[in-house]
N, C-alpha and C. Protein backbone atom coordinates (compact mmCIF):
# COMPACT_ATOMS: atom_id res chain seq x y z
N MET A 1 -15.50 -10.19 6.39
CA MET A 1 -14.19 -10.67 6.03
C MET A 1 -13.18 -9.55 6.26
N ILE A 2 -12.02 -9.92 6.75
CA ILE A 2 -10.93 -8.99 7.02
C ILE A 2 -9.77 -9.32 6.10
N LEU A 3 -9.12 -8.29 5.57
CA LEU A 3 -7.98 -8.47 4.69
C LEU A 3 -6.82 -7.64 5.20
N ASN A 4 -5.66 -8.26 5.30
CA ASN A 4 -4.45 -7.57 5.71
C ASN A 4 -3.47 -7.61 4.54
N VAL A 5 -2.96 -6.44 4.15
CA VAL A 5 -2.09 -6.33 2.98
C VAL A 5 -0.84 -5.55 3.36
N GLY A 6 0.31 -6.01 2.89
CA GLY A 6 1.56 -5.28 3.05
C GLY A 6 1.96 -4.70 1.71
N VAL A 7 2.27 -3.40 1.68
CA VAL A 7 2.63 -2.72 0.45
C VAL A 7 3.96 -2.00 0.67
N GLN A 8 4.87 -2.13 -0.30
CA GLN A 8 6.14 -1.42 -0.22
C GLN A 8 6.22 -0.38 -1.32
N PHE A 9 6.68 0.80 -0.95
CA PHE A 9 6.86 1.90 -1.89
C PHE A 9 8.33 2.29 -1.93
N LYS A 10 8.74 2.87 -3.05
CA LYS A 10 10.10 3.38 -3.16
C LYS A 10 10.30 4.47 -2.12
N GLN A 11 11.51 4.56 -1.61
CA GLN A 11 11.82 5.61 -0.65
C GLN A 11 11.71 6.96 -1.33
N GLY A 12 11.29 7.95 -0.59
CA GLY A 12 11.24 9.31 -1.09
C GLY A 12 9.93 9.69 -1.75
N ILE A 13 8.98 8.76 -1.84
CA ILE A 13 7.69 9.08 -2.42
C ILE A 13 6.91 9.96 -1.44
N HIS A 14 6.30 10.99 -1.96
CA HIS A 14 5.55 11.94 -1.13
C HIS A 14 4.38 11.24 -0.44
N VAL A 15 4.12 11.63 0.79
CA VAL A 15 3.09 10.98 1.60
C VAL A 15 1.71 11.06 0.94
N GLU A 16 1.42 12.15 0.25
CA GLU A 16 0.12 12.28 -0.42
C GLU A 16 -0.01 11.26 -1.55
N THR A 17 1.07 10.97 -2.24
CA THR A 17 1.07 9.96 -3.30
C THR A 17 0.78 8.59 -2.72
N VAL A 18 1.39 8.28 -1.59
CA VAL A 18 1.15 7.01 -0.91
C VAL A 18 -0.31 6.93 -0.47
N HIS A 19 -0.81 8.01 0.09
CA HIS A 19 -2.20 8.07 0.57
C HIS A 19 -3.17 7.78 -0.58
N ARG A 20 -2.96 8.42 -1.72
CA ARG A 20 -3.84 8.19 -2.88
C ARG A 20 -3.74 6.75 -3.37
N ALA A 21 -2.53 6.20 -3.38
CA ALA A 21 -2.34 4.81 -3.82
C ALA A 21 -3.08 3.84 -2.91
N VAL A 22 -3.01 4.07 -1.60
CA VAL A 22 -3.70 3.21 -0.64
C VAL A 22 -5.20 3.24 -0.89
N HIS A 23 -5.74 4.42 -1.16
CA HIS A 23 -7.17 4.52 -1.44
C HIS A 23 -7.54 3.79 -2.74
N ARG A 24 -6.68 3.87 -3.75
CA ARG A 24 -6.96 3.14 -4.99
C ARG A 24 -6.94 1.64 -4.75
N ILE A 25 -6.01 1.18 -3.92
CA ILE A 25 -5.94 -0.26 -3.59
C ILE A 25 -7.22 -0.68 -2.87
N GLU A 26 -7.62 0.10 -1.87
CA GLU A 26 -8.85 -0.22 -1.13
C GLU A 26 -10.07 -0.24 -2.06
N ASP A 27 -10.17 0.75 -2.93
CA ASP A 27 -11.31 0.81 -3.85
C ASP A 27 -11.33 -0.39 -4.80
N ALA A 28 -10.16 -0.77 -5.30
CA ALA A 28 -10.08 -1.91 -6.23
C ALA A 28 -10.47 -3.22 -5.53
N ILE A 29 -10.03 -3.38 -4.30
CA ILE A 29 -10.35 -4.60 -3.54
C ILE A 29 -11.84 -4.67 -3.27
N THR A 30 -12.43 -3.59 -2.78
CA THR A 30 -13.86 -3.63 -2.44
C THR A 30 -14.74 -3.74 -3.68
N ALA A 31 -14.28 -3.23 -4.82
CA ALA A 31 -15.04 -3.37 -6.06
C ALA A 31 -15.07 -4.83 -6.51
N GLU A 32 -13.94 -5.51 -6.36
CA GLU A 32 -13.83 -6.90 -6.79
C GLU A 32 -14.38 -7.88 -5.76
N PHE A 33 -14.22 -7.53 -4.48
CA PHE A 33 -14.62 -8.42 -3.38
C PHE A 33 -15.47 -7.65 -2.37
N PRO A 34 -16.74 -7.42 -2.66
CA PRO A 34 -17.58 -6.60 -1.76
C PRO A 34 -17.79 -7.23 -0.38
N GLN A 35 -17.51 -8.50 -0.24
CA GLN A 35 -17.66 -9.15 1.06
C GLN A 35 -16.55 -8.74 2.04
N VAL A 36 -15.48 -8.13 1.55
CA VAL A 36 -14.41 -7.66 2.43
C VAL A 36 -14.90 -6.39 3.13
N ARG A 37 -14.98 -6.45 4.44
CA ARG A 37 -15.51 -5.34 5.22
C ARG A 37 -14.41 -4.47 5.84
N ASN A 38 -13.29 -5.08 6.18
CA ASN A 38 -12.19 -4.34 6.81
C ASN A 38 -10.90 -4.66 6.05
N ILE A 39 -10.22 -3.59 5.65
CA ILE A 39 -8.94 -3.73 4.95
C ILE A 39 -7.89 -3.01 5.76
N TYR A 40 -6.83 -3.72 6.11
CA TYR A 40 -5.71 -3.15 6.84
C TYR A 40 -4.51 -3.18 5.92
N ILE A 41 -3.97 -2.02 5.60
CA ILE A 41 -2.83 -1.93 4.70
C ILE A 41 -1.63 -1.42 5.48
N GLU A 42 -0.59 -2.24 5.50
CA GLU A 42 0.66 -1.86 6.15
C GLU A 42 1.60 -1.33 5.08
N VAL A 43 2.00 -0.07 5.23
CA VAL A 43 2.84 0.59 4.24
C VAL A 43 4.28 0.63 4.75
N GLU A 44 5.20 0.23 3.87
CA GLU A 44 6.62 0.26 4.20
C GLU A 44 7.40 0.88 3.04
N SER A 45 8.59 1.37 3.32
CA SER A 45 9.49 1.81 2.27
C SER A 45 10.41 0.66 1.91
N LEU A 46 10.76 0.58 0.64
CA LEU A 46 11.74 -0.42 0.23
C LEU A 46 13.08 -0.05 0.86
N PRO A 47 13.87 -1.05 1.21
CA PRO A 47 15.18 -0.73 1.79
C PRO A 47 16.07 -0.07 0.74
N ARG A 48 16.94 0.78 1.23
CA ARG A 48 17.91 1.43 0.33
C ARG A 48 18.89 0.41 -0.20
N VAL A 49 19.22 0.56 -1.46
CA VAL A 49 20.24 -0.30 -2.07
C VAL A 49 21.56 0.42 -1.90
N PRO A 50 22.55 -0.26 -1.29
CA PRO A 50 23.85 0.41 -1.11
C PRO A 50 24.48 0.71 -2.47
N THR A 51 25.06 1.89 -2.57
CA THR A 51 25.77 2.25 -3.80
C THR A 51 27.24 1.95 -3.64
N SER A 52 27.87 1.51 -4.72
CA SER A 52 29.30 1.23 -4.62
C SER A 52 30.09 2.52 -4.75
N ALA A 53 31.14 2.60 -3.98
CA ALA A 53 31.96 3.82 -3.97
C ALA A 53 33.07 3.73 -4.97
């Protein structure tokens, strides 16, 4: 079974923090659903919210 997941993180989060979060997501999925053999996680930043001047 293949799983494709999209995840959005706040802008400015350190790449190592994102990397650790992705591994936690993968571990949680495989623990709950061992039949999932391939997990593809697409990481994006949330869009910036315009500030009023």
